[in-house]
Amino acid sequence: MSGPAGIWGPSCISCAQVAVSEINEADGIGNKRLVPYFLDADDGNIDALEQELATLISEGEIEAVVGMHLSSVRQRLKRVISGRIPYVFTPAYEGNENAFNVYAIGEKTSDQLAPAIRYLSTALKARRWALIGNEYVWPRQSHVIARSCIAEVGGTIVFEDYVPLGFKRADRVVERIARTKPDITIVSLIGQDAVEFNRAFGARNLDRQSFRLSTAMDENVLLATGAQNTKRLFVASAYFSDLKTERNEEFKERYKASHRTFPPVLNALGQSLYEGLHFYATMRSSKDEDAAAGLIRYRSVRKGLYHVNECKGLTTYLSRADGHRFSILCELD
C-alpha cells in the first residue's frame, strides 16, 4: 500500500474484493464467510508488519495469509508465520520456495526470463546486455538466471548494478548504462522505481539505441511512465489485462461490475491476489481426487492448476509496450 510497490496497491485490493465476493456468494469456506483484513506489506514497513502479523496469529484472529508483496517481505514473513497457518504467495517470483505450508502460485523467473532472452536475442539480434535491479533477492536471483541464458545465446553482459528501493536520481544510472552501449537492458526494478528509471531512459533518448525487457512491469507502471518513454520496451508475464481469452473477458466484466465507477487498472499483480484467494478457498474445501493426488484446481483467469511450487504449468506471454497498452506478441516456451 506504500513505498515503491504501493502503485500496485489499489489494483490488488480491488481484485481481492472481487474474489471475496465470489467466494462468499458460493457459501464461503465451509459455510463460513471469508472476511479480509488488509495489511500494508511495504518492504519499508516490515518490522511493524511482522509484529502485527505475529499478534494476529497468536491471538487466533486470522486463519491464513494471502500475500502480494516482494520476495524480501516473503522471506521475513514466513519466519514469523512458521508454518502455523497457510501462506499463499501470489506474484511471479524467483523460485526455490520450499518452506512448509507456503504455497507460491505465481510463475517463476525461469518461466519468464529464459524464453524471453532466447526469443529476443534472435529476433532483435541482441548481443550486448545490461542488467539493472533493486537490491534484494528477486532481482539478484533473476539475474543469475539471466547471466546463464545470455551466455547460452552467445551474448555478453556489459553492465550490471543494483539500487536500493526508493532510489533517487535515475538519470545517473541511465547515463552509466548509456556509456556501455547495450543492445538491450533487462529492467528488474519495482513499481515506482521502474517508473522513474523508464522515464529517465526515455528522456535520455536511450530507447533509440537500446531495447528494454522486464518481467515485473505492469499496466500501472506503463501508464505512469508515459507513452513517450515506453518505446521498444518488452515485458514477459503470465498475465496482461488485454489477454484475449474467454476467461479473462469474463473476469474483466465481473471486475468492472464490482467497481462501477473507475476501478484501478487490471494487472498481473492484482489478478494474482484474486487467484490466491480462490486458491486458498479451494485448498480448504477440496475433497476430490485431484486434491488426493496433490493437485489443486482453482478458479482462475489462467489455467488454475497447482501441483507444487515448482510446477504450475502457466503460459508466459511476451508483449511490447504500445503507447499506454501492451500488445501481446506471442506465447513463450
Protein backbone atom coordinates (compact mmCIF):
# COMPACT_ATOMS: atom_id res chain seq x y z
CA MET A 1 0.00 0.00 0.00
CA SER A 2 3.04 2.29 0.30
CA GLY A 3 6.64 2.53 -0.86
CA PRO A 4 7.79 1.88 -4.44
CA ALA A 5 5.37 -1.06 -4.78
CA GLY A 6 2.44 1.00 -3.47
CA ILE A 7 1.47 1.79 -7.07
CA TRP A 8 0.08 -1.76 -7.21
CA GLY A 9 -1.99 -1.49 -4.01
CA PRO A 10 -5.33 -0.24 -5.41
CA SER A 11 -5.36 -2.91 -8.16
CA CYS A 12 -4.56 -5.65 -5.63
CA ILE A 13 -7.23 -4.59 -3.15
CA SER A 14 -9.86 -4.24 -5.89
CA CYS A 15 -9.12 -7.70 -7.32
CA ALA A 16 -9.16 -9.22 -3.84
CA GLN A 17 -12.58 -7.71 -3.22
CA VAL A 18 -13.93 -9.44 -6.33
CA ALA A 19 -12.58 -12.80 -5.15
CA VAL A 20 -14.02 -12.36 -1.64
CA SER A 21 -17.42 -11.55 -3.12
CA GLU A 22 -17.35 -14.60 -5.39
CA ILE A 23 -16.27 -16.94 -2.60
CA ASN A 24 -18.94 -15.68 -0.21
CA GLU A 25 -21.64 -15.90 -2.89
CA ALA A 26 -20.69 -19.59 -3.18
CA ASP A 27 -21.30 -20.15 0.58
CA GLY A 28 -17.82 -19.13 1.66
CA ILE A 29 -15.35 -21.65 3.03
CA GLY A 30 -17.05 -24.48 4.91
CA ASN A 31 -20.21 -22.34 5.04
CA LYS A 32 -18.30 -19.55 6.73
CA ARG A 33 -17.93 -16.14 5.15
CA LEU A 34 -14.45 -15.05 4.14
CA VAL A 35 -13.55 -11.80 5.91
CA PRO A 36 -10.49 -9.96 4.51
CA TYR A 37 -8.10 -7.96 6.64
CA PHE A 38 -5.69 -5.86 4.58
CA LEU A 39 -2.15 -5.17 5.80
CA ASP A 40 0.48 -2.87 4.29
CA ALA A 41 3.27 -5.17 3.06
CA ASP A 42 5.71 -2.44 2.01
CA ASP A 43 9.32 -3.55 2.45
CA GLY A 44 9.94 -0.40 4.49
CA ASN A 45 7.09 -1.33 6.85
CA ILE A 46 8.31 -4.85 7.52
CA ASP A 47 9.09 -4.50 11.25
CA ALA A 48 5.60 -3.23 12.05
CA LEU A 49 4.06 -5.83 9.74
CA GLU A 50 5.91 -8.66 11.47
CA GLN A 51 4.71 -7.52 14.89
CA GLU A 52 1.09 -7.12 13.79
CA LEU A 53 1.06 -10.46 12.00
CA ALA A 54 2.61 -12.28 14.95
CA THR A 55 -0.07 -10.84 17.24
CA LEU A 56 -2.91 -11.75 14.88
CA ILE A 57 -1.69 -15.34 14.62
CA SER A 58 -1.03 -15.83 18.34
CA GLU A 59 -4.49 -14.49 19.20
CA GLY A 60 -6.18 -16.69 16.60
CA GLU A 61 -7.55 -13.72 14.68
CA ILE A 62 -6.58 -14.94 11.20
CA GLU A 63 -6.58 -18.35 9.52
CA ALA A 64 -4.32 -17.68 6.53
CA VAL A 65 -2.12 -15.12 4.80
CA VAL A 66 -2.58 -14.46 1.08
CA GLY A 67 0.20 -12.13 0.07
CA MET A 68 1.13 -10.00 -2.94
CA HIS A 69 4.42 -8.39 -1.99
CA LEU A 70 8.15 -8.54 -2.58
CA SER A 71 10.18 -11.70 -2.03
CA SER A 72 12.23 -9.87 0.61
CA VAL A 73 9.00 -9.48 2.59
CA ARG A 74 8.09 -13.14 1.99
CA GLN A 75 11.39 -14.26 3.46
CA ARG A 76 10.69 -12.31 6.65
CA LEU A 77 7.01 -13.24 6.97
CA LYS A 78 7.44 -16.97 6.50
CA ARG A 79 9.70 -16.98 9.57
CA VAL A 80 7.00 -15.18 11.58
CA ILE A 81 4.24 -17.47 10.30
CA SER A 82 6.48 -20.53 10.72
CA GLY A 83 4.00 -22.89 9.07
CA ARG A 84 1.31 -22.29 11.71
CA ILE A 85 -1.24 -21.17 9.12
CA PRO A 86 -1.28 -21.44 5.31
CA TYR A 87 0.67 -18.74 3.49
CA VAL A 88 -0.24 -18.25 -0.18
CA PHE A 89 2.29 -16.11 -2.04
CA THR A 90 0.75 -14.91 -5.29
CA PRO A 91 3.08 -12.92 -7.62
CA ALA A 92 5.79 -14.06 -10.00
CA TYR A 93 8.94 -14.82 -8.06
CA GLU A 94 12.48 -16.19 -8.34
CA GLY A 95 11.64 -19.83 -7.48
CA ASN A 96 13.07 -22.23 -4.89
CA GLU A 97 10.43 -21.64 -2.21
CA ASN A 98 10.18 -24.86 -0.21
CA ALA A 99 9.09 -23.79 3.28
CA PHE A 100 6.33 -25.80 4.96
CA ASN A 101 2.78 -24.52 4.40
CA VAL A 102 3.95 -21.85 1.92
CA TYR A 103 2.25 -22.00 -1.48
CA ALA A 104 3.88 -19.94 -4.24
CA ILE A 105 1.33 -19.99 -7.05
CA GLY A 106 2.89 -17.45 -9.45
CA GLU A 107 5.22 -18.07 -12.36
CA LYS A 108 8.95 -18.36 -11.74
CA THR A 109 11.60 -16.10 -13.23
CA SER A 110 12.94 -19.02 -15.25
CA ASP A 111 9.50 -19.35 -16.89
CA GLN A 112 9.60 -15.70 -17.96
CA LEU A 113 13.17 -14.58 -18.44
CA ALA A 114 14.81 -17.61 -20.03
CA PRO A 115 12.44 -17.95 -23.02
CA ALA A 116 12.28 -14.16 -23.46
CA ILE A 117 16.07 -13.90 -23.68
CA ARG A 118 16.20 -16.72 -26.22
CA TYR A 119 13.45 -15.14 -28.32
CA LEU A 120 14.76 -11.57 -28.26
CA SER A 121 18.39 -12.49 -28.83
CA THR A 122 17.28 -13.99 -32.15
CA ALA A 123 14.52 -11.56 -33.12
CA LEU A 124 16.50 -8.43 -32.27
CA LYS A 125 20.00 -9.79 -32.83
CA ALA A 126 20.79 -8.56 -29.33
CA ARG A 127 24.28 -9.43 -28.13
CA ARG A 128 25.20 -6.76 -25.56
CA TRP A 129 23.06 -6.87 -22.40
CA ALA A 130 22.74 -4.53 -19.41
CA LEU A 131 21.15 -5.62 -16.10
CA ILE A 132 19.66 -3.20 -13.56
CA GLY A 133 17.64 -4.20 -10.50
CA ASN A 134 16.65 -3.32 -6.97
CA GLU A 135 18.90 -4.58 -4.20
CA TYR A 136 17.05 -7.63 -2.87
CA VAL A 137 16.60 -11.33 -3.56
CA TRP A 138 14.28 -11.33 -6.61
CA PRO A 139 16.43 -9.16 -8.93
CA ARG A 140 19.62 -10.81 -7.74
CA GLN A 141 18.36 -14.35 -8.34
CA SER A 142 16.66 -13.35 -11.59
CA HIS A 143 19.93 -12.01 -12.94
CA VAL A 144 21.72 -15.24 -12.05
CA ILE A 145 19.29 -16.91 -14.45
CA ALA A 146 19.74 -14.07 -16.97
CA ARG A 147 23.51 -14.36 -16.97
CA SER A 148 23.33 -18.09 -17.70
CA CYS A 149 20.79 -17.63 -20.51
CA ILE A 150 22.70 -14.75 -22.08
CA ALA A 151 25.85 -16.87 -22.13
CA GLU A 152 23.93 -19.73 -23.77
CA VAL A 153 22.81 -17.49 -26.65
CA GLY A 154 26.30 -16.09 -27.15
CA GLY A 155 25.67 -12.69 -25.60
CA THR A 156 27.80 -10.62 -23.25
CA ILE A 157 26.90 -8.54 -20.19
CA VAL A 158 28.27 -5.01 -20.45
CA PHE A 159 26.63 -3.55 -17.31
CA GLU A 160 25.16 -4.88 -14.05
CA ASP A 161 24.16 -2.94 -10.95
CA TYR A 162 21.63 -2.88 -8.10
CA VAL A 163 19.98 0.10 -6.42
CA PRO A 164 18.06 0.40 -3.13
CA LEU A 165 14.27 0.52 -3.09
CA GLY A 166 13.15 4.11 -3.50
CA PHE A 167 16.46 5.17 -5.05
CA LYS A 168 16.94 8.71 -6.34
CA ARG A 169 18.47 10.19 -9.49
CA ALA A 170 17.55 7.51 -12.01
CA ASP A 171 19.13 9.71 -14.66
CA ARG A 172 22.58 8.94 -13.26
CA VAL A 173 22.00 5.19 -13.57
CA VAL A 174 20.70 5.62 -17.11
CA GLU A 175 23.75 7.66 -18.05
CA ARG A 176 26.08 4.94 -16.77
CA ILE A 177 24.17 2.34 -18.78
CA ALA A 178 24.31 4.51 -21.90
CA ARG A 179 28.10 4.62 -21.76
CA THR A 180 28.26 0.81 -22.08
CA LYS A 181 26.14 0.85 -25.29
CA PRO A 182 23.91 -2.20 -24.66
CA ASP A 183 21.63 -3.64 -27.30
CA ILE A 184 19.04 -4.43 -24.63
CA THR A 185 18.58 -3.65 -20.93
CA ILE A 186 16.87 -6.02 -18.50
CA VAL A 187 14.95 -3.88 -16.01
CA SER A 188 14.28 -5.67 -12.70
CA LEU A 189 13.04 -2.63 -10.80
CA ILE A 190 9.88 -2.45 -8.73
CA GLY A 191 6.85 -0.20 -9.14
CA GLN A 192 7.67 3.49 -8.85
CA ASP A 193 11.39 2.76 -9.17
CA ALA A 194 10.67 1.27 -12.60
CA VAL A 195 8.59 4.34 -13.48
CA GLU A 196 11.40 6.74 -12.63
CA PHE A 197 14.01 4.65 -14.44
CA ASN A 198 11.95 4.29 -17.61
CA ARG A 199 11.12 8.00 -17.65
CA ALA A 200 14.84 8.79 -17.42
CA PHE A 201 15.57 6.17 -20.09
CA GLY A 202 13.15 7.90 -22.46
CA ALA A 203 14.29 11.41 -21.60
CA ARG A 204 17.88 10.41 -22.39
CA ASN A 205 16.64 9.00 -25.75
CA LEU A 206 18.37 5.76 -24.86
CA ASP A 207 15.34 3.93 -26.29
CA ARG A 208 16.72 4.84 -29.73
CA GLN A 209 19.81 2.75 -29.04
CA SER A 210 18.70 0.03 -26.60
CA PHE A 211 15.65 -2.17 -26.22
CA ARG A 212 14.29 -2.95 -22.75
CA LEU A 213 12.97 -6.18 -21.22
CA SER A 214 11.13 -6.52 -17.90
CA THR A 215 9.36 -9.32 -16.08
CA ALA A 216 7.75 -7.04 -13.47
CA MET A 217 6.35 -4.11 -15.43
CA ASP A 218 2.56 -3.92 -15.37
CA GLU A 219 -0.20 -1.69 -16.71
CA ASN A 220 0.08 0.72 -13.75
CA VAL A 221 3.78 1.28 -14.33
CA LEU A 222 3.16 1.62 -18.06
CA LEU A 223 0.58 4.37 -17.53
CA ALA A 224 2.74 6.21 -15.01
CA THR A 225 5.82 6.03 -17.24
CA GLY A 226 4.06 7.73 -20.15
CA ALA A 227 3.79 6.57 -23.75
CA GLN A 228 6.70 8.76 -24.84
CA ASN A 229 9.03 6.79 -22.56
CA THR A 230 7.98 3.21 -23.38
CA LYS A 231 9.28 2.81 -26.90
CA ARG A 232 10.97 -0.52 -27.73
CA LEU A 233 10.06 -1.98 -24.34
CA PHE A 234 9.14 -5.68 -23.94
CA VAL A 235 7.53 -7.46 -20.98
CA ALA A 236 7.29 -11.19 -20.26
CA SER A 237 4.42 -12.20 -17.96
CA ALA A 238 1.77 -14.86 -17.48
CA TYR A 239 -0.99 -12.22 -17.43
CA PHE A 240 -1.89 -9.00 -19.19
CA SER A 241 -5.24 -7.23 -18.91
CA ASP A 242 -5.60 -7.30 -22.71
CA LEU A 243 -5.23 -11.09 -22.84
CA LYS A 244 -7.85 -12.27 -25.34
CA THR A 245 -9.28 -15.36 -23.66
CA GLU A 246 -12.85 -16.17 -22.71
CA ARG A 247 -11.95 -16.48 -19.03
CA ASN A 248 -10.19 -13.12 -18.97
CA GLU A 249 -13.06 -11.36 -20.72
CA GLU A 250 -15.48 -12.80 -18.14
CA PHE A 251 -13.20 -11.74 -15.31
CA LYS A 252 -12.93 -8.20 -16.67
CA GLU A 253 -16.72 -7.94 -16.83
CA ARG A 254 -17.05 -9.08 -13.20
CA TYR A 255 -14.31 -6.67 -12.16
CA LYS A 256 -15.96 -3.71 -13.87
CA ALA A 257 -19.37 -4.65 -12.48
CA SER A 258 -17.99 -4.85 -8.94
CA HIS A 259 -16.39 -1.40 -9.18
CA ARG A 260 -18.94 0.64 -11.03
CA THR A 261 -17.13 3.97 -11.36
CA PHE A 262 -13.45 3.93 -12.34
CA PRO A 263 -11.73 0.82 -10.98
CA PRO A 264 -7.93 0.63 -10.77
CA VAL A 265 -6.33 -0.76 -13.90
CA LEU A 266 -6.14 -4.55 -14.07
CA ASN A 267 -2.67 -6.01 -13.93
CA ALA A 268 -0.78 -9.22 -13.20
CA LEU A 269 -0.17 -8.35 -9.54
CA GLY A 270 -3.78 -7.63 -8.65
CA GLN A 271 -5.02 -10.59 -10.64
CA SER A 272 -2.57 -12.82 -8.77
CA LEU A 273 -4.18 -11.84 -5.47
CA TYR A 274 -7.60 -12.68 -6.93
CA GLU A 275 -6.27 -16.12 -7.80
CA GLY A 276 -4.56 -16.51 -4.44
CA LEU A 277 -7.82 -16.12 -2.55
CA HIS A 278 -9.57 -18.65 -4.78
CA PHE A 279 -6.59 -20.99 -4.40
CA TYR A 280 -6.90 -20.82 -0.61
CA ALA A 281 -10.67 -21.34 -0.68
CA THR A 282 -10.30 -24.37 -2.94
CA MET A 283 -7.43 -25.81 -0.91
CA ARG A 284 -9.51 -25.61 2.26
CA SER A 285 -12.57 -27.22 0.72
CA SER A 286 -11.09 -29.76 -1.73
CA LYS A 287 -12.16 -33.34 -1.13
CA ASP A 288 -11.95 -34.71 -4.66
CA GLU A 289 -9.48 -36.99 -6.42
CA ASP A 290 -7.35 -34.07 -7.59
CA ALA A 291 -6.69 -33.00 -4.02
CA ALA A 292 -5.80 -36.56 -3.07
CA ALA A 293 -3.32 -36.62 -5.95
CA GLY A 294 -1.75 -33.35 -4.81
CA LEU A 295 -3.44 -31.21 -7.48
CA ILE A 296 -5.46 -28.08 -6.74
CA ARG A 297 -7.77 -26.78 -9.48
CA TYR A 298 -8.97 -23.33 -8.50
CA ARG A 299 -10.98 -20.53 -10.09
CA SER A 300 -8.57 -18.58 -12.22
CA VAL A 301 -8.22 -16.26 -15.18
CA ARG A 302 -5.40 -18.56 -16.29
CA LYS A 303 -5.07 -22.35 -16.04
CA GLY A 304 -5.72 -22.53 -12.32
CA LEU A 305 -3.85 -25.78 -11.78
CA TYR A 306 -1.32 -26.16 -8.97
CA HIS A 307 0.79 -29.21 -8.22
CA VAL A 308 3.79 -27.92 -6.24
CA ASN A 309 5.58 -24.59 -6.03
CA GLU A 310 7.92 -25.56 -8.84
CA CYS A 311 5.17 -26.87 -11.13
CA LYS A 312 2.14 -24.85 -12.19
CA GLY A 313 2.29 -25.00 -15.97
CA LEU A 314 1.39 -21.34 -16.53
CA THR A 315 1.66 -19.88 -20.03
CA THR A 316 4.06 -16.96 -20.38
CA TYR A 317 3.42 -14.24 -22.95
CA LEU A 318 5.76 -11.70 -24.50
CA SER A 319 4.30 -8.23 -25.01
CA ARG A 320 5.54 -4.97 -26.41
CA ALA A 321 4.54 -1.59 -25.00
CA ASP A 322 2.25 0.17 -27.44
CA GLY A 323 1.54 3.62 -26.03
CA HIS A 324 -0.40 3.03 -22.82
CA ARG A 325 -1.24 -0.61 -23.59
CA PHE A 326 0.58 -3.89 -24.03
CA SER A 327 0.34 -5.66 -27.39
CA ILE A 328 0.79 -9.38 -26.89
CA LEU A 329 3.21 -10.73 -29.47
CA CYS A 330 3.41 -14.45 -28.73
CA GLU A 331 3.49 -17.26 -26.21
CA LEU A 332 6.94 -18.11 -24.91
CA ASP A 333 8.26 -21.63 -24.38
